[in-house]
């Protein structure tokens, strides 16, 4: 669907009266005296075609042309145990198990939770706002969505090969490891949850979460593809009313055992890691919310031959976001995003270049609430890429319908 048709669809939907829209469910459906609840989240985005692959996600879909259906269920098993799960489908494709974990509360009088299974993400702030109902715009921050040229199962032989792939994260392959063409990874995946054990504690001014999981924050896995585990933690502080400051860290083996073996033999996959640090700040007052999030991610990749890669390969993201409520049920929002990369040198004549093409993104938009849990959004996004093989600039426009219960 074109952008103009998307706007027309939203304009038609916007005239639906709130009274008529109340026929839609507004709360989770409860069974067994409230011990079992089922909820859902439905979103449909209709927007511009993305020939520059700026908004492509882990699952080869554009965030500006995406239908997503989530169904979540929770079951209380006594006072100490709760089972939670969620299934998801995108663009009417495969139905995937998005979440399935057991939450154990050892003490009913203390704020300590232990989650086991496919658990919520620990790292970062936006990872808690990935549902369309929580995202004030349609696009995602670059750190959580933009596909870099790094893959865990296919690695470049030298700096020249890595630089030759700049901006091609949507479809890339290298000389060593898996030779099938596939997508790269973002700094942090917003479309897959972690699998492992997670512990959360704290209340009021300070909260802390720690986890041991498979894969890394860029590449969460159900079964590890190497011999290591990821360790990830987050601390949140609420110093004053309306303010939340967060600090996150994660480290785990990134390169798969198969890819590492193709270069050095067995026993080296633990050496090639992703290490990430994040800081975020949110302040809300009256009719506005302001947010900042910065992430630094270091990848240690195999060094095969000269010209050698300058390790670690670093990427740095900065995101600033704001939302302002104009009148009840109507808001505007904006987000500025930058994703940069450290320099590597392939030849002295060429000089140092960022290992992937830096990207800047500005997105403006807003939303209208038809009822509390039915929102219509409109966004315009400008992407600028500094170098690489694909088109350097692109403007995307999209509308979105979001319903949840």
Protein backbone atom coordinates (compact mmCIF):
# COMPACT_ATOMS: atom_id res chain seq x y z
CA UNK A 1 0.00 0.00 0.00
CA UNK A 2 1.31 3.46 -0.89
CA UNK A 3 1.79 6.22 1.65
CA UNK A 4 -1.13 8.23 0.21
CA UNK A 5 -3.47 5.26 0.55
CA UNK A 6 -2.25 4.72 4.11
CA UNK A 7 -3.16 8.29 5.00
CA UNK A 8 -6.59 7.84 3.40
CA UNK A 9 -7.25 4.67 5.39
CA UNK A 10 -6.32 6.41 8.63
CA UNK A 11 -8.49 9.39 7.80
CA UNK A 12 -11.49 7.09 7.30
CA UNK A 13 -10.82 5.23 10.53
CA UNK A 14 -10.40 8.44 12.48
CA UNK A 15 -14.07 9.38 11.99
CA UNK A 16 -15.24 6.24 13.80
CA UNK A 17 -17.09 7.48 16.86
CA UNK A 18 -15.68 6.53 20.25
CA UNK A 19 -19.07 5.18 21.31
CA UNK A 20 -19.12 2.79 18.39
CA UNK A 21 -15.57 1.65 19.03
CA UNK A 22 -16.45 0.48 22.55
CA UNK A 23 -17.68 -2.81 21.11
CA UNK A 24 -13.99 -3.81 20.98
CA UNK A 25 -12.67 -5.53 24.12
CA UNK A 26 -10.68 -3.23 26.37
CA UNK A 27 -9.31 -5.59 29.03
CA UNK A 28 -7.60 -9.03 29.04
CA UNK A 29 -9.97 -11.98 28.96
CA UNK A 30 -10.02 -13.85 32.29
CA UNK A 31 -10.85 -17.48 33.07
CA UNK A 32 -10.88 -19.74 36.13
CA UNK A 33 -11.73 -16.97 38.59
CA UNK A 34 -9.01 -14.74 37.17
CA UNK A 35 -6.18 -17.27 37.47
CA UNK A 36 -5.79 -17.42 33.66
CA UNK A 37 -5.74 -14.30 31.50
CA UNK A 38 -5.36 -13.84 27.74
CA UNK A 39 -4.43 -10.58 26.07
CA UNK A 40 -3.54 -9.45 22.60
CA UNK A 41 -1.80 -6.74 20.60
CA UNK A 42 -2.60 -6.10 16.93
CA UNK A 43 -0.91 -3.53 14.71
CA UNK A 44 -1.01 -2.82 10.99
CA UNK A 45 1.43 -0.40 9.34
CA UNK A 46 0.90 0.82 5.78
CA UNK A 47 3.70 2.86 4.32
CA UNK A 48 6.29 3.68 1.74
CA UNK A 49 8.39 0.99 0.10
CA UNK A 50 11.88 0.83 1.63
CA UNK A 51 14.35 0.25 -1.26
CA UNK A 52 17.28 1.32 0.95
CA UNK A 53 16.48 -1.33 3.58
CA UNK A 54 16.72 1.23 6.38
CA UNK A 55 13.79 -0.23 8.33
CA UNK A 56 14.21 -3.96 7.72
CA UNK A 57 14.06 -6.14 10.84
CA UNK A 58 15.42 -9.48 12.07
CA UNK A 59 12.66 -11.29 10.18
CA UNK A 60 13.09 -9.61 6.76
CA UNK A 61 10.10 -7.29 7.15
CA UNK A 62 10.00 -3.51 6.93
CA UNK A 63 8.73 -1.85 10.11
CA UNK A 64 6.78 0.53 7.83
CA UNK A 65 4.94 -2.32 6.08
CA UNK A 66 4.13 -4.71 8.86
CA UNK A 67 1.08 -6.52 10.20
CA UNK A 68 1.76 -7.99 13.63
CA UNK A 69 -0.43 -10.10 15.88
CA UNK A 70 0.55 -11.04 19.43
CA UNK A 71 -1.43 -13.27 21.76
CA UNK A 72 -0.21 -13.57 25.35
CA UNK A 73 -1.43 -15.75 28.21
CA UNK A 74 -0.63 -15.94 31.93
CA UNK A 75 -1.61 -18.60 34.43
CA UNK A 76 -1.23 -18.34 38.21
CA UNK A 77 -0.18 -21.61 39.82
CA UNK A 78 -0.48 -20.90 43.51
CA UNK A 79 1.01 -17.92 45.33
CA UNK A 80 4.60 -18.44 44.19
CA UNK A 81 4.48 -19.55 40.55
CA UNK A 82 3.17 -17.97 37.37
CA UNK A 83 3.50 -19.28 33.79
CA UNK A 84 3.59 -16.72 30.98
CA UNK A 85 3.73 -17.21 27.23
CA UNK A 86 3.24 -15.36 23.97
CA UNK A 87 2.96 -16.27 20.30
CA UNK A 88 3.48 -13.86 17.42
CA UNK A 89 3.03 -13.73 13.67
CA UNK A 90 4.14 -11.05 11.22
CA UNK A 91 2.61 -10.43 7.78
CA UNK A 92 0.54 -13.62 8.15
CA UNK A 93 3.69 -15.73 8.10
CA UNK A 94 4.99 -18.33 10.52
CA UNK A 95 3.57 -18.33 14.04
CA UNK A 96 6.54 -18.06 16.43
CA UNK A 97 6.93 -18.66 20.12
CA UNK A 98 7.95 -15.20 21.31
CA UNK A 99 7.94 -15.84 25.06
CA UNK A 100 7.46 -18.81 27.38
CA UNK A 101 8.75 -18.71 30.93
CA UNK A 102 7.99 -19.59 34.52
CA UNK A 103 8.06 -16.78 37.06
CA UNK A 104 8.85 -17.90 40.59
CA UNK A 105 8.45 -15.60 43.57
CA UNK A 106 10.23 -17.36 46.45
CA UNK A 107 8.82 -14.99 49.07
CA UNK A 108 5.39 -13.40 48.85
CA UNK A 109 6.49 -10.57 51.13
CA UNK A 110 9.68 -9.68 49.22
CA UNK A 111 10.10 -8.22 45.75
CA UNK A 112 12.23 -10.97 44.20
CA UNK A 113 11.26 -12.70 40.92
CA UNK A 114 13.07 -15.53 39.15
CA UNK A 115 12.17 -16.04 35.47
CA UNK A 116 13.18 -19.25 33.68
CA UNK A 117 12.72 -19.92 29.96
CA UNK A 118 12.32 -17.47 27.09
CA UNK A 119 12.37 -14.38 29.28
CA UNK A 120 11.89 -10.61 28.78
CA UNK A 121 15.02 -8.71 27.72
CA UNK A 122 17.25 -7.33 30.46
CA UNK A 123 19.37 -4.86 28.47
CA UNK A 124 18.27 -1.34 27.62
CA UNK A 125 15.20 0.86 27.97
CA UNK A 126 13.49 0.63 24.58
CA UNK A 127 13.41 -3.17 24.90
CA UNK A 128 10.52 -2.58 27.34
CA UNK A 129 8.62 -0.45 24.80
CA UNK A 130 8.79 -2.61 21.69
CA UNK A 131 5.04 -3.21 21.50
CA UNK A 132 3.31 -0.79 19.10
CA UNK A 133 1.04 0.32 21.93
CA UNK A 134 4.11 1.55 23.87
CA UNK A 135 6.01 3.06 20.92
CA UNK A 136 4.89 6.67 20.24
CA UNK A 137 6.11 6.42 16.62
CA UNK A 138 6.05 3.67 13.99
CA UNK A 139 9.78 3.17 13.43
CA UNK A 140 12.28 1.72 15.88
CA UNK A 141 15.49 3.26 17.23
CA UNK A 142 18.46 2.36 15.02
CA UNK A 143 20.28 0.43 17.77
CA UNK A 144 17.36 -1.98 18.12
CA UNK A 145 16.47 -2.49 14.46
CA UNK A 146 19.08 -1.39 11.89
CA UNK A 147 20.91 -4.41 10.46
CA UNK A 148 24.69 -4.01 10.54
CA UNK A 149 27.02 -6.05 8.31
CA UNK A 150 28.14 -8.40 11.11
CA UNK A 151 26.94 -12.00 11.29
CA UNK A 152 27.70 -14.55 14.00
CA UNK A 153 27.97 -17.44 11.53
CA UNK A 154 29.91 -15.80 8.67
CA UNK A 155 33.02 -13.65 9.20
CA UNK A 156 35.23 -11.50 6.94
CA UNK A 157 38.78 -12.51 6.18
CA UNK A 158 40.23 -8.99 6.43
CA UNK A 159 39.42 -5.31 6.69
CA UNK A 160 39.03 -4.94 2.92
CA UNK A 161 36.31 -7.57 2.78
CA UNK A 162 34.44 -6.01 5.69
CA UNK A 163 34.57 -2.52 4.14
CA UNK A 164 33.31 -3.86 0.81
CA UNK A 165 30.01 -4.81 2.48
CA UNK A 166 29.20 -1.47 4.11
CA UNK A 167 25.42 -0.73 4.19
CA UNK A 168 24.57 -4.29 3.03
CA UNK A 169 23.42 -5.68 6.39
CA UNK A 170 20.04 -6.67 4.96
CA UNK A 171 21.79 -9.37 2.85
CA UNK A 172 25.47 -10.20 3.36
CA UNK A 173 27.98 -13.06 3.44
CA UNK A 174 31.71 -13.47 3.97
CA UNK A 175 34.52 -15.82 3.03
CA UNK A 176 34.61 -17.85 6.26
CA UNK A 177 31.78 -19.78 7.89
CA UNK A 178 28.27 -20.05 6.48
CA UNK A 179 28.29 -19.21 2.76
CA UNK A 180 24.54 -18.63 2.45
CA UNK A 181 23.48 -15.01 1.98
CA UNK A 182 21.66 -13.78 5.10
CA UNK A 183 21.00 -10.67 7.17
CA UNK A 184 23.34 -9.08 9.69
CA UNK A 185 22.47 -8.20 13.28
CA UNK A 186 21.45 -4.96 15.01
CA UNK A 187 23.23 -3.79 18.14
CA UNK A 188 20.30 -5.07 20.21
CA UNK A 189 17.47 -7.17 18.83
CA UNK A 190 14.00 -5.77 19.57
CA UNK A 191 12.24 -8.68 17.87
CA UNK A 192 13.47 -11.70 19.85
CA UNK A 193 13.54 -12.38 23.57
CA UNK A 194 16.35 -14.04 25.51
CA UNK A 195 16.40 -17.66 26.71
CA UNK A 196 17.86 -18.45 30.10
CA UNK A 197 17.48 -17.49 33.76
CA UNK A 198 16.67 -13.96 34.93
CA UNK A 199 16.44 -12.54 38.46
CA UNK A 200 14.73 -9.23 39.30
CA UNK A 201 14.66 -7.50 42.66
CA UNK A 202 14.04 -4.10 44.20
CA UNK A 203 11.18 -1.66 44.45
CA UNK A 204 10.71 2.05 44.76
CA UNK A 205 13.90 4.02 44.11
CA UNK A 206 16.22 1.22 42.96
CA UNK A 207 15.60 -1.94 40.93
CA UNK A 208 18.09 -4.47 39.54
CA UNK A 209 17.88 -7.29 37.01
CA UNK A 210 20.49 -9.90 36.07
CA UNK A 211 20.38 -12.79 33.61
CA UNK A 212 22.38 -15.64 32.10
CA UNK A 213 21.15 -16.38 28.57
CA UNK A 214 21.93 -18.00 25.23
CA UNK A 215 23.34 -15.96 22.34
CA UNK A 216 23.97 -12.22 22.78
CA UNK A 217 21.79 -9.11 22.84
CA UNK A 218 22.38 -8.73 19.08
CA UNK A 219 21.57 -12.37 18.39
CA UNK A 220 19.30 -13.93 21.07
CA UNK A 221 19.07 -17.70 20.63
CA UNK A 222 16.96 -20.55 21.94
CA UNK A 223 19.95 -22.92 21.79
CA UNK A 224 23.48 -21.55 21.97
CA UNK A 225 25.59 -21.93 18.81
CA UNK A 226 28.88 -21.76 20.74
CA UNK A 227 30.28 -22.94 24.06
CA UNK A 228 29.59 -19.78 26.07
CA UNK A 229 26.76 -17.95 27.80
CA UNK A 230 25.84 -14.29 27.92
CA UNK A 231 25.85 -12.37 31.20
CA UNK A 232 23.64 -9.28 31.25
CA UNK A 233 22.50 -6.86 33.93
CA UNK A 234 20.54 -3.65 34.42
CA UNK A 235 20.01 -1.18 37.27
CA UNK A 236 17.22 1.41 37.37
CA UNK A 237 17.21 4.41 39.69
CA UNK A 238 14.29 6.77 40.37
CA UNK A 239 15.86 9.77 42.12
CA UNK A 240 12.82 12.08 41.85
CA UNK A 241 9.21 11.83 40.77
CA UNK A 242 8.92 11.38 37.00
CA UNK A 243 12.59 10.51 36.41
CA UNK A 244 14.06 7.07 35.63
CA UNK A 245 17.77 6.49 34.96
CA UNK A 246 18.99 3.11 33.72
CA UNK A 247 22.38 1.49 33.26
CA UNK A 248 22.88 -1.80 31.37
CA UNK A 249 25.77 -4.12 30.53
CA UNK A 250 26.12 -7.38 28.60
CA UNK A 251 28.89 -9.71 27.46
CA UNK A 252 28.81 -13.04 25.67
CA UNK A 253 30.45 -15.08 22.86
CA UNK A 254 29.15 -13.79 19.51
CA UNK A 255 30.77 -15.88 16.77
CA UNK A 256 29.33 -19.37 16.29
CA UNK A 257 31.43 -22.45 16.94
CA UNK A 258 31.14 -23.46 13.26
CA UNK A 259 32.46 -20.10 12.01
CA UNK A 260 35.30 -20.03 14.54
CA UNK A 261 36.23 -23.62 13.70
CA UNK A 262 36.47 -22.80 9.99
CA UNK A 263 39.29 -20.37 10.81
CA UNK A 264 41.13 -21.58 13.92
CA UNK A 265 39.75 -25.03 14.73
CA UNK A 266 37.92 -26.07 17.87
CA UNK A 267 38.01 -24.29 21.20
CA UNK A 268 38.23 -20.63 20.12
CA UNK A 269 34.59 -19.51 19.91
CA UNK A 270 34.60 -18.04 23.44
CA UNK A 271 37.26 -15.52 22.34
CA UNK A 272 35.01 -13.64 19.88
CA UNK A 273 32.53 -11.68 21.95
CA UNK A 274 29.98 -8.89 21.95
CA UNK A 275 30.31 -6.51 24.89
CA UNK A 276 27.76 -3.73 25.28
CA UNK A 277 27.06 -0.88 27.67
CA UNK A 278 23.95 1.28 27.80
CA UNK A 279 22.68 4.34 29.64
CA UNK A 280 19.19 5.79 29.45
CA UNK A 281 17.18 8.58 31.04
CA UNK A 282 13.46 9.34 31.03
CA UNK A 283 11.70 12.37 32.46
CA UNK A 284 7.95 12.91 32.37
CA UNK A 285 5.94 15.83 33.65
CA UNK A 286 2.46 17.10 32.93
CA UNK A 287 1.85 16.59 29.19
CA UNK A 288 5.32 15.59 27.96
CA UNK A 289 7.86 12.77 28.12
CA UNK A 290 11.54 13.13 27.20
CA UNK A 291 13.86 10.14 26.71
CA UNK A 292 17.53 9.57 25.95
CA UNK A 293 19.35 6.29 25.32
CA UNK A 294 22.95 5.65 24.35
CA UNK A 295 24.53 2.26 23.58
CA UNK A 296 28.14 1.26 22.91
CA UNK A 297 28.74 -2.22 21.48
CA UNK A 298 32.16 -3.82 20.91
CA UNK A 299 32.59 -6.92 18.76
CA UNK A 300 35.80 -8.96 18.82
CA UNK A 301 35.98 -10.80 15.50
CA UNK A 302 38.58 -13.29 14.21
CA UNK A 303 41.71 -11.80 12.61
CA UNK A 304 42.50 -13.95 9.59
CA UNK A 305 45.04 -12.07 7.49
CA UNK A 306 46.39 -8.60 6.66
CA UNK A 307 45.06 -5.97 6.37
CA UNK A 308 43.96 -6.84 9.89
CA UNK A 309 40.79 -5.58 11.47
CA UNK A 310 41.24 -3.00 14.22
CA UNK A 311 39.63 -4.68 17.20
CA UNK A 312 37.27 -4.29 18.79
CA UNK A 313 34.82 -3.24 16.09
CA UNK A 314 32.82 -0.56 17.90
CA UNK A 315 29.39 0.87 17.21
CA UNK A 316 27.82 3.77 19.11
CA UNK A 317 24.17 4.76 19.04
CA UNK A 318 22.46 7.88 20.40
CA UNK A 319 18.69 8.34 20.57
CA UNK A 320 16.63 11.31 21.83
CA UNK A 321 12.83 11.05 21.85
CA UNK A 322 9.99 13.28 22.96
CA UNK A 323 6.21 13.02 23.20
CA UNK A 324 3.74 15.82 23.94
CA UNK A 325 0.01 15.50 24.57
CA UNK A 326 -1.77 18.36 22.78
CA UNK A 327 -5.27 17.57 24.05
CA UNK A 328 -6.71 14.42 25.63
CA UNK A 329 -6.35 11.61 23.10
CA UNK A 330 -4.05 13.48 20.70
CA UNK A 331 -0.24 13.64 20.85
CA UNK A 332 2.78 14.49 18.73
CA UNK A 333 6.20 12.81 18.95
CA UNK A 334 9.70 13.08 17.52
CA UNK A 335 12.86 10.99 17.60
CA UNK A 336 16.44 11.76 16.58
CA UNK A 337 18.79 8.83 16.07
CA UNK A 338 22.43 8.34 15.13
CA UNK A 339 24.40 5.11 14.65
CA UNK A 340 28.16 5.35 14.10
CA UNK A 341 31.02 2.89 13.68
CA UNK A 342 34.73 2.83 14.50
CA UNK A 343 37.32 3.15 11.72
CA UNK A 344 39.32 0.37 10.09
CA UNK A 345 41.97 0.65 7.36
CA UNK A 346 42.10 -1.62 4.33
CA UNK A 347 44.81 0.23 2.36
CA UNK A 348 47.03 3.20 3.11
CA UNK A 349 45.78 4.94 -0.02
CA UNK A 350 42.14 4.55 0.97
CA UNK A 351 42.74 5.56 4.58
CA UNK A 352 40.55 4.76 7.59
CA UNK A 353 36.81 4.29 7.06
CA UNK A 354 33.96 3.35 9.40
CA UNK A 355 33.51 -0.44 9.24
CA UNK A 356 29.84 0.09 8.36
CA UNK A 357 28.11 3.15 6.92
CA UNK A 358 26.93 5.58 9.66
CA UNK A 359 23.19 6.33 9.67
CA UNK A 360 21.19 9.31 10.89
CA UNK A 361 17.42 9.09 11.35
CA UNK A 362 14.79 11.70 12.18
CA UNK A 363 11.17 10.65 12.66
CA UNK A 364 8.19 12.92 13.29
CA UNK A 365 4.64 11.81 13.93
CA UNK A 366 1.70 11.62 16.23
CA UNK A 367 -1.33 9.65 17.27
CA UNK A 368 -5.05 9.87 17.95
CA UNK A 369 -6.86 7.63 20.45
CA UNK A 370 -10.22 6.46 19.13
CA UNK A 371 -10.64 4.76 22.49
CA UNK A 372 -8.17 3.96 25.27
CA UNK A 373 -6.81 0.88 23.50
CA UNK A 374 -7.29 1.84 19.85
CA UNK A 375 -4.76 4.31 18.44
CA UNK A 376 -4.14 5.67 14.95
CA UNK A 377 -0.61 6.89 14.18
CA UNK A 378 1.09 8.73 11.35
CA UNK A 379 4.88 9.04 10.93
CA UNK A 380 7.36 10.57 8.49
CA UNK A 381 10.93 9.34 8.67
CA UNK A 382 14.11 10.69 7.05
CA UNK A 383 17.13 8.38 6.83
CA UNK A 384 20.63 9.46 5.76
CA UNK A 385 23.46 6.96 5.21
CA UNK A 386 27.07 8.16 4.95
CA UNK A 387 28.66 5.87 2.37
CA UNK A 388 28.14 2.24 1.47
CA UNK A 389 26.66 0.44 -1.49
CA UNK A 390 22.94 1.25 -1.14
CA UNK A 391 21.06 4.51 -1.63
CA UNK A 392 22.27 7.18 0.79
CA UNK A 393 18.96 8.93 1.59
CA UNK A 394 15.37 7.93 1.92
CA UNK A 395 12.11 9.47 3.18
CA UNK A 396 9.39 7.12 4.39
CA UNK A 397 5.80 7.89 5.37
CA UNK A 398 3.43 5.45 7.05
CA UNK A 399 0.21 5.15 9.00
CA UNK A 400 -0.49 2.56 11.68
CA UNK A 401 -3.53 1.17 13.48
CA UNK A 402 -2.86 -0.27 16.94
CA UNK A 403 -5.32 -2.21 19.12
CA UNK A 404 -4.60 -4.09 22.33
CA UNK A 405 -6.52 -5.72 25.18
